[in-house]
Amino acid sequence: MDNPTAASKDTPVGVRFRVASNSERLQTGIDKSGKAKYETKRWYEVTNTGDLAAESVTFEGQAASGFMRLLVDNQPITLEPEVSWKVPVLYSMGTAGTKLTVHWVENGENQSKTFDVQ
């Protein structure tokens, strides 16, 4: 018996994004007293989990307070299904309320979605 509310695997879902915040602490050298110096690299990993390619994808960052900068040249890209893209980001101390907006074209229509990120 078919359940009309359950999605079929054959039903197209279009473009869907998943955004994950990542960071890595890297040693950058040693100070005068012999202690290791570190910096933290941060990025968002944006994955197209849908079944259609997202075309003309660009990214926009916003912060309610503090400084947030995406380290991308903002040239449009195409994200095929199940493909991820790293978006490097820089924060200042005390940055809060950060959001990443993904803009793309799907079936000739402009789309966007905003994600809360940290």
Protein backbone atom coordinates (compact mmCIF):
# COMPACT_ATOMS: atom_id res chain seq x y z
CA MET A 1 0.00 0.00 0.00
CA ASP A 2 1.41 3.39 -1.01
CA ASN A 3 1.71 6.10 1.59
CA PRO A 4 1.05 9.45 -0.16
CA THR A 5 2.93 11.43 2.51
CA ALA A 6 6.17 9.45 2.19
CA ALA A 7 8.59 10.77 -0.43
CA SER A 8 9.63 8.30 -3.07
CA LYS A 9 13.29 7.89 -4.00
CA ASP A 10 12.22 8.69 -7.57
CA THR A 11 10.70 12.04 -6.59
CA PRO A 12 13.18 14.83 -7.39
CA VAL A 13 14.06 17.07 -4.45
CA GLY A 14 15.99 19.74 -6.35
CA VAL A 15 18.87 21.62 -4.74
CA ARG A 16 19.33 21.26 -0.98
CA PHE A 17 22.24 22.52 1.05
CA ARG A 18 23.86 21.40 4.28
CA VAL A 19 26.30 23.77 5.98
CA ALA A 20 28.81 22.63 8.61
CA SER A 21 31.19 24.88 10.59
CA ASN A 22 34.74 23.52 10.85
CA SER A 23 37.99 24.67 12.41
CA GLU A 24 41.56 23.46 12.73
CA ARG A 25 44.28 24.67 15.09
CA LEU A 26 47.66 24.92 13.37
CA GLN A 27 51.07 25.57 14.84
CA THR A 28 52.58 28.64 13.19
CA GLY A 29 55.95 28.74 14.94
CA ILE A 30 57.67 29.13 18.28
CA ASP A 31 57.95 32.33 20.31
CA LYS A 32 61.10 33.66 22.03
CA SER A 33 60.46 31.66 25.18
CA GLY A 34 60.15 28.38 23.25
CA LYS A 35 56.37 28.06 23.41
CA ALA A 36 54.44 27.00 20.34
CA LYS A 37 52.36 29.67 18.62
CA TYR A 38 49.05 28.68 17.06
CA GLU A 39 46.38 30.05 14.77
CA THR A 40 42.92 28.71 14.12
CA LYS A 41 41.67 28.29 10.55
CA ARG A 42 37.87 28.30 10.20
CA TRP A 43 35.66 27.42 7.28
CA TYR A 44 32.14 26.42 6.33
CA GLU A 45 31.65 23.26 4.35
CA VAL A 46 28.67 23.72 2.04
CA THR A 47 27.31 20.49 0.51
CA ASN A 48 24.62 20.13 -2.13
CA THR A 49 22.61 17.19 -0.73
CA GLY A 50 19.94 17.46 -3.42
CA ASP A 51 19.67 15.78 -6.79
CA LEU A 52 20.11 18.82 -9.08
CA ALA A 53 23.17 20.95 -9.73
CA ALA A 54 23.12 24.37 -8.08
CA GLU A 55 24.36 26.91 -10.63
CA SER A 56 25.84 30.38 -10.12
CA VAL A 57 26.39 29.71 -6.41
CA THR A 58 27.73 32.63 -4.34
CA PHE A 59 28.11 33.14 -0.60
CA GLU A 60 27.40 36.08 1.69
CA GLY A 61 28.30 36.38 5.38
CA GLN A 62 26.62 38.52 8.03
CA ALA A 63 27.27 39.11 11.73
CA ALA A 64 24.98 40.83 14.24
CA SER A 65 28.05 42.14 16.08
CA GLY A 66 31.78 42.02 15.50
CA PHE A 67 33.58 41.29 12.26
CA MET A 68 33.06 38.35 9.90
CA ARG A 69 34.68 38.06 6.48
CA LEU A 70 34.39 35.28 3.93
CA LEU A 71 37.73 34.66 2.22
CA VAL A 72 36.31 33.94 -1.24
CA ASP A 73 36.51 35.88 -4.48
CA ASN A 74 32.73 35.48 -4.91
CA GLN A 75 32.99 34.19 -8.47
CA PRO A 76 29.91 32.03 -9.13
CA ILE A 77 30.47 28.28 -8.99
CA THR A 78 28.40 25.20 -9.82
CA LEU A 79 27.84 22.64 -7.07
CA GLU A 80 26.87 19.25 -8.43
CA PRO A 81 24.83 16.87 -6.23
CA GLU A 82 26.84 15.44 -3.29
CA VAL A 83 29.71 17.90 -3.87
CA SER A 84 31.11 20.05 -1.03
CA TRP A 85 32.77 23.45 -1.18
CA LYS A 86 34.95 24.98 1.55
CA VAL A 87 34.27 28.65 2.33
CA PRO A 88 37.10 30.05 4.51
CA VAL A 89 35.98 32.60 7.10
CA LEU A 90 37.68 35.08 9.45
CA TYR A 91 36.16 36.31 12.73
CA SER A 92 37.18 39.03 15.15
CA MET A 93 36.93 38.52 18.91
CA GLY A 94 33.37 38.90 20.18
CA THR A 95 31.65 38.19 16.88
CA ALA A 96 28.08 36.96 17.41
CA GLY A 97 24.94 36.24 15.42
CA THR A 98 26.76 34.90 12.37
CA LYS A 99 24.84 33.79 9.30
CA LEU A 100 25.84 32.40 5.91
CA THR A 101 23.56 33.05 2.96
CA VAL A 102 23.89 30.81 -0.10
CA HIS A 103 22.59 32.25 -3.38
CA TRP A 104 22.10 30.01 -6.43
CA VAL A 105 20.12 29.48 -9.62
CA GLU A 106 17.86 26.43 -9.88
CA ASN A 107 15.82 25.75 -13.03
CA GLY A 108 16.40 29.34 -14.16
CA GLU A 109 15.11 30.88 -10.90
CA ASN A 110 17.20 32.79 -8.35
CA GLN A 111 17.15 31.13 -4.94
CA SER A 112 18.76 31.82 -1.57
CA LYS A 113 18.84 30.30 1.88
CA THR A 114 20.34 31.65 5.10
CA PHE A 115 21.96 29.38 7.68
CA ASP A 116 22.86 30.19 11.31
CA VAL A 117 26.52 29.30 11.72
CA GLN A 118 29.14 29.59 14.44
